[in-house]
Protein backbone atom coordinates (compact mmCIF):
# COMPACT_ATOMS: atom_id res chain seq x y z
CA MET A 1 13.65 -60.97 32.57
CA HIS A 2 17.04 -59.38 32.74
CA ARG A 3 17.13 -58.97 28.96
CA GLU A 4 13.70 -57.30 28.90
CA ALA A 5 14.82 -54.84 31.59
CA VAL A 6 17.87 -53.95 29.53
CA VAL A 7 15.74 -53.35 26.43
CA TRP A 8 13.28 -51.16 28.32
CA SER A 9 16.16 -49.27 29.87
CA GLN A 10 17.66 -48.59 26.43
CA ARG A 11 14.29 -47.46 25.11
CA LEU A 12 13.85 -45.13 28.05
CA VAL A 13 17.28 -43.60 27.56
CA PHE A 14 16.57 -43.13 23.85
CA ALA A 15 13.19 -41.53 24.55
CA LEU A 16 14.70 -39.17 27.12
CA ALA A 17 17.42 -38.18 24.66
CA ILE A 18 14.86 -37.38 21.96
CA ALA A 19 12.74 -35.42 24.44
CA THR A 20 15.78 -33.46 25.58
CA LEU A 21 16.69 -32.55 22.00
CA LEU A 22 13.14 -31.52 21.17
CA PHE A 23 12.87 -29.40 24.31
CA ALA A 24 16.21 -27.76 23.64
CA SER A 25 15.20 -26.99 20.06
CA TRP A 26 11.79 -25.67 21.15
CA SER A 27 13.13 -23.56 23.99
CA GLU A 28 16.16 -22.18 22.17
CA THR A 29 14.23 -20.54 19.31
CA PRO A 30 12.08 -18.23 21.44
CA ARG A 31 15.09 -17.24 23.53
CA ALA A 32 16.81 -15.89 20.42
CA GLN A 33 13.86 -13.62 19.69
CA THR A 34 13.27 -10.39 21.58
CA ASP A 35 10.02 -8.58 22.30
CA ILE A 36 10.18 -5.12 20.73
CA SER A 37 6.73 -4.07 21.97
CA GLY A 38 6.35 -0.97 24.12
CA ASN A 39 6.67 2.81 24.14
CA TRP A 40 9.98 4.07 22.80
CA ARG A 41 11.41 7.55 23.33
CA PRO A 42 13.98 8.69 20.72
CA LEU A 43 17.48 9.56 21.86
CA PRO A 44 19.08 12.76 20.51
CA ARG A 45 20.99 12.13 17.31
CA ASN A 46 22.33 13.94 14.29
CA GLN A 47 20.57 13.57 10.99
CA ASP A 48 22.57 12.99 7.83
CA GLY A 49 24.43 15.80 6.18
CA SER A 50 26.40 18.90 7.07
CA GLY A 51 23.32 21.05 7.49
CA MET A 52 23.88 22.92 4.22
CA ILE A 53 20.69 22.79 2.16
CA GLY A 54 21.25 20.71 -0.96
CA ASP A 55 24.30 18.80 0.32
CA LEU A 56 24.48 15.28 -1.20
CA ALA A 57 27.77 14.21 0.41
CA GLY A 58 27.72 10.64 1.68
CA VAL A 59 24.72 9.59 -0.43
CA PRO A 60 25.39 7.18 -3.33
CA VAL A 61 23.20 9.10 -5.76
CA SER A 62 23.04 8.04 -9.38
CA PRO A 63 23.25 10.66 -12.16
CA GLY A 64 19.45 10.58 -12.26
CA GLY A 65 19.28 11.07 -8.50
CA ARG A 66 21.64 14.06 -8.72
CA TRP A 67 19.62 15.65 -11.52
CA ARG A 68 16.45 15.11 -9.53
CA ALA A 69 18.00 16.83 -6.51
CA GLU A 70 19.40 19.72 -8.54
CA SER A 71 16.00 20.45 -10.06
CA TRP A 72 14.24 20.47 -6.67
CA SER A 73 12.93 23.72 -5.20
CA PRO A 74 11.84 24.37 -1.59
CA ASP A 75 8.70 25.96 -3.03
CA ASP A 76 7.45 22.40 -3.58
CA PHE A 77 6.27 22.46 0.04
CA ASP A 78 3.90 25.34 -0.79
CA VAL A 79 1.94 23.73 -3.60
CA ALA A 80 -1.51 22.32 -2.85
CA GLU A 81 -0.39 18.72 -3.40
CA TRP A 82 2.09 19.00 -0.52
CA VAL A 83 -0.32 20.45 2.07
CA CYS A 84 -0.41 18.02 5.02
CA ARG A 85 1.59 15.53 2.98
CA PRO A 86 3.00 13.06 5.55
CA HIS A 87 6.55 11.91 5.99
CA ALA A 88 7.02 8.28 5.00
CA TRP A 89 7.46 5.78 7.85
CA ASP A 90 11.11 5.01 7.01
CA TYR A 91 12.02 8.72 6.89
CA SER A 92 10.06 9.49 10.07
CA LEU A 93 12.29 7.09 12.02
CA GLU A 94 15.18 9.51 11.53
CA GLY A 95 13.31 12.70 12.28
CA PRO A 96 13.10 14.57 15.60
CA LEU A 97 9.46 13.55 16.29
CA SER A 98 10.13 9.81 16.24
CA ALA A 99 8.52 8.83 19.55
CA MET A 100 7.12 5.40 18.76
CA ARG A 101 4.71 2.76 20.02
CA LEU A 102 5.06 -0.89 18.96
CA TRP A 103 2.63 -3.69 19.75
CA ALA A 104 2.05 -7.27 18.64
CA ASP A 105 -0.87 -9.33 17.35
CA VAL A 106 -0.60 -12.77 18.96
CA ASP A 107 -2.46 -15.90 17.87
CA GLN A 108 -4.05 -17.21 21.05
CA ALA A 109 -3.98 -20.86 19.97
CA THR A 110 -0.27 -20.99 19.13
CA GLN A 111 1.02 -17.90 20.99
CA GLU A 112 2.91 -16.96 17.83
CA VAL A 113 3.25 -13.34 16.76
CA ILE A 114 1.21 -12.78 13.62
CA ALA A 115 2.26 -9.15 13.13
CA TYR A 116 3.85 -6.17 14.79
CA HIS A 117 2.22 -2.76 14.49
CA GLY A 118 3.89 0.60 14.86
CA HIS A 119 2.67 4.16 15.45
CA ILE A 120 5.08 7.07 15.24
CA ASN A 121 4.47 10.65 16.35
CA GLN A 122 5.70 12.25 13.13
CA SER A 123 2.59 12.72 10.94
CA GLU A 124 1.00 9.87 12.93
CA GLN A 125 2.33 7.34 10.46
CA GLU A 126 1.63 3.66 11.13
CA THR A 127 3.04 0.42 9.83
CA THR A 128 2.31 -3.30 9.98
CA ILE A 129 5.08 -5.90 9.92
CA TRP A 130 3.65 -9.28 8.94
CA MET A 131 5.38 -12.19 10.69
CA ASP A 132 3.27 -15.07 9.32
CA GLY A 133 5.29 -15.72 6.16
CA ARG A 134 2.87 -14.17 3.70
CA PRO A 135 4.35 -13.04 0.36
CA HIS A 136 4.65 -9.44 -0.80
CA PRO A 137 1.95 -8.23 -3.21
CA PRO A 138 2.56 -8.04 -6.97
CA ALA A 139 4.50 -5.06 -8.28
CA ASN A 140 1.41 -3.16 -9.46
CA ALA A 141 -0.31 -3.27 -6.05
CA LEU A 142 -1.02 -0.07 -4.11
CA HIS A 143 2.01 1.93 -2.96
CA THR A 144 1.67 3.80 0.34
CA TRP A 145 3.73 5.98 2.72
CA SER A 146 4.47 2.96 4.92
CA GLY A 147 4.64 0.33 2.20
CA PHE A 148 4.15 -3.40 2.74
CA SER A 149 6.45 -5.01 5.33
CA THR A 150 7.29 -8.56 6.31
CA GLY A 151 9.61 -9.60 9.12
CA GLU A 152 11.74 -12.55 10.14
CA TRP A 153 14.15 -13.18 12.99
CA ASP A 154 17.90 -13.35 12.49
CA GLY A 155 18.94 -14.45 15.97
CA ASP A 156 17.82 -11.62 18.25
CA THR A 157 17.46 -9.14 15.37
CA LEU A 158 14.15 -8.55 13.60
CA VAL A 159 14.81 -8.07 9.88
CA VAL A 160 12.01 -6.17 8.13
CA THR A 161 11.69 -5.94 4.34
CA THR A 162 9.49 -3.13 3.01
CA THR A 163 8.28 -2.73 -0.57
CA HIS A 164 5.44 -0.83 -2.31
CA LEU A 165 6.55 2.59 -1.07
CA LYS A 166 5.62 5.93 -2.58
CA GLU A 167 8.33 8.23 -3.85
CA THR A 168 9.55 10.58 -1.15
CA TYR A 169 12.68 12.29 0.08
CA ILE A 170 15.74 10.86 1.81
CA ARG A 171 16.64 14.34 3.01
CA ARG A 172 14.28 17.27 2.86
CA TRP A 173 16.25 19.18 0.25
CA GLY A 174 15.66 17.25 -2.92
CA ILE A 175 17.42 13.89 -2.41
CA MET A 176 14.65 11.49 -3.33
CA ARG A 177 14.06 7.78 -3.35
CA SER A 178 11.85 6.28 -6.03
CA ASP A 179 8.73 4.16 -5.71
CA GLN A 180 10.83 1.17 -6.75
CA SER A 181 12.81 1.31 -3.50
CA VAL A 182 13.16 -1.56 -1.05
CA VAL A 183 14.01 -0.81 2.59
CA ARG A 184 15.47 -3.43 4.92
CA THR A 185 15.44 -2.44 8.56
CA ARG A 186 17.22 -4.42 11.27
CA TRP A 187 15.60 -3.88 14.68
CA ARG A 188 17.65 -4.95 17.67
CA ARG A 189 16.68 -4.58 21.31
CA MET A 190 19.48 -4.36 23.87
CA GLY A 191 17.87 -4.26 27.31
CA THR A 192 15.96 -0.99 27.47
CA TYR A 193 17.44 0.30 24.21
CA LEU A 194 16.18 -0.25 20.68
CA GLN A 195 18.28 0.35 17.58
CA ALA A 196 17.23 0.43 13.94
CA THR A 197 19.70 0.02 11.08
CA SER A 198 18.06 1.00 7.81
CA ILE A 199 19.39 -0.11 4.41
CA LEU A 200 17.82 1.54 1.37
CA TYR A 201 17.99 -0.07 -2.07
CA ASP A 202 16.84 2.13 -4.97
CA PRO A 203 17.60 1.06 -8.56
CA VAL A 204 16.53 4.47 -9.91
CA TYR A 205 18.13 7.21 -7.79
CA LEU A 206 20.94 5.31 -6.03
CA THR A 207 23.88 3.26 -7.31
CA GLU A 208 24.55 1.40 -4.03
CA PRO A 209 22.69 0.61 -0.80
CA TYR A 210 22.37 3.60 1.52
CA ILE A 211 22.74 2.74 5.21
CA ARG A 212 21.59 4.68 8.28
CA THR A 213 22.73 3.52 11.71
CA THR A 214 22.08 6.51 13.99
CA MET A 215 18.51 5.63 15.00
CA MET A 216 18.17 4.72 18.70
CA TRP A 217 15.34 4.71 21.26
CA VAL A 218 15.03 4.02 24.99
CA TYR A 219 12.11 2.14 26.56
CA ASP A 220 9.77 4.53 28.37
CA PRO A 221 6.48 3.03 29.66
CA ALA A 222 5.37 6.51 30.81
CA LEU A 223 5.85 8.05 27.37
CA LEU A 224 3.01 10.35 26.37
CA MET A 225 2.47 10.69 22.65
CA GLY A 226 0.27 13.59 21.64
CA PRO A 227 -1.65 13.86 18.37
CA TYR A 228 -0.10 15.34 15.27
CA PRO A 229 -2.88 17.42 13.73
CA CYS A 230 -2.46 19.06 10.37
CA GLU A 231 -4.83 21.76 9.19
CA GLU A 232 -4.86 22.66 5.54
CA ALA A 233 -3.77 26.23 4.96
CA THR A 234 -2.31 28.36 2.18
CA GLU A 235 1.00 29.65 3.49
CA THR A 236 2.45 30.92 0.22
CA ALA A 237 0.51 31.73 -2.92
CA VAL A 238 1.75 29.48 -5.73
CA PRO A 239 0.01 30.07 -9.07
CA ARG A 240 -2.24 27.20 -10.09
CA GLY A 241 -0.48 24.84 -12.47
CA ASN A 242 2.98 26.08 -11.51
CA VAL A 243 5.53 23.37 -10.66
CA PRO A 244 8.45 24.91 -8.71
CA HIS A 245 11.80 23.73 -10.05
CA TYR A 246 15.28 24.73 -11.12
CA LEU A 247 16.82 24.16 -14.53
CA PRO A 248 20.34 22.64 -14.71
CA GLY A 249 22.95 25.06 -13.39
CA GLN A 250 20.37 27.50 -11.99
CA ASN A 251 19.70 26.02 -8.54
CA LEU A 252 19.94 28.75 -5.87
CA LEU A 253 20.39 26.45 -2.86
CA PRO A 254 23.67 27.03 -0.98
CA SER A 255 25.19 23.63 -1.69
CA TRP A 256 25.05 24.17 -5.45
CA ASN A 257 27.00 27.44 -5.19
CA ARG A 258 30.77 26.91 -5.60
CA ALA A 259 31.52 30.19 -3.81
CA ILE A 260 29.86 29.11 -0.56
CA VAL A 261 31.38 26.72 1.97
CA ASP A 262 29.76 24.88 4.84
CA ASP A 263 30.92 24.90 8.47
CA PHE A 264 33.39 22.11 7.70
CA GLY A 265 34.95 23.63 4.60
CA THR A 266 33.70 20.78 2.42
CA PRO A 267 34.82 21.15 -1.21
CA TYR A 268 32.07 21.69 -3.76
CA GLU A 269 32.80 18.39 -5.53
CA ALA A 270 32.08 16.41 -2.37
CA ARG A 271 28.70 18.09 -1.99
CA LEU A 272 27.63 16.54 -5.30
CA GLY A 273 27.48 13.15 -3.59
CA GLY A 274 27.95 9.79 -5.28
CA PRO A 275 29.07 6.36 -4.07
CA GLU A 276 32.72 7.30 -3.55
CA THR A 277 31.77 10.00 -1.01
CA MET A 278 30.53 7.23 1.31
CA TYR A 279 33.96 5.83 2.08
CA PRO A 280 36.87 7.04 4.27
CA GLU A 281 39.29 6.87 1.34
CA TYR A 282 37.48 9.83 -0.19
CA ILE A 283 38.90 12.10 2.52
CA ALA A 284 42.36 11.91 0.93
CA LYS A 285 40.89 12.79 -2.46
CA MET A 286 39.05 15.78 -0.96
CA LYS A 287 42.35 17.32 0.15
CA ALA A 288 43.32 17.79 -3.50
CA PHE A 289 40.17 19.71 -4.37
CA PRO A 290 40.24 23.53 -4.51
CA ARG A 291 38.46 25.19 -1.61
CA ALA A 292 36.25 28.25 -1.89
CA ALA A 293 36.91 31.26 0.29
CA ALA A 294 34.71 31.45 3.36
CA ALA A 295 31.42 33.16 2.64
CA PRO A 296 30.46 36.30 4.56
CA ALA A 297 28.51 35.73 7.75
CA GLY A 298 24.80 35.39 7.16
CA SER A 299 25.19 34.72 3.45
CA THR A 300 24.21 31.03 3.61
CA GLU A 301 20.95 29.42 4.52
CA ARG A 302 21.35 26.52 6.92
CA GLY A 303 18.77 23.87 7.56
CA ARG A 304 17.97 20.24 8.15
């Protein structure tokens, strides 16, 4: 009798140990994840660049990316194909109209999140982040402004991988990303704050990953998000069949003019961009570059 009691006692201890481990494993995983649902109001932040139109400093553009930017003309926005053309989701995150709503699809049987959905004020772009482990479509599948996104948790950070994007701009003055780009966005909620770190990989127009870390929102359950209507209109008459562009060496944007300096006195060579302009060590190299004389007041066109 005593021996049977000992055996049952050992079995009970073993069973309790297993149950404790299982409970700890089950309860620890959800704690690492964070609910990103809700209404999010953007905090003021600076967009990339000095503000000089055409500036590529800090962007790891490839030679092809630089040629693409140098050939770009602002008159592109006036052609019929660009009327009511939306900003892509990943660019809209950085813009001034980035008020955002996020919500989840939850499987009622398992209480697991199947997908997150997002709506952003800028151009009323929307996205779906699939959380159920489905694969990305084949390379020749439809490319859209929001692309195809899947997500997975890295601790308390939601890591989103987006493919199948249309070509669009990184900055609105000719710096483009190709339709072969992949964007990885790390969403992290810290109390009532939400931060997005975006990493852009583009084998066509970039030589290295391009990282943005300035995107931050604050939770605001009372946030009102109005519509973003766009009515087609002809603002500037562009002849049919005309494709606005600049030939090499003929771009009239301020950044491509050696005789014009920005508010920071940035040398012309730095404004050409490239991977080395991303790093602090480039500052020492900039000091050796010749500097243009300050341009007369009102002679430059500034913009974001």
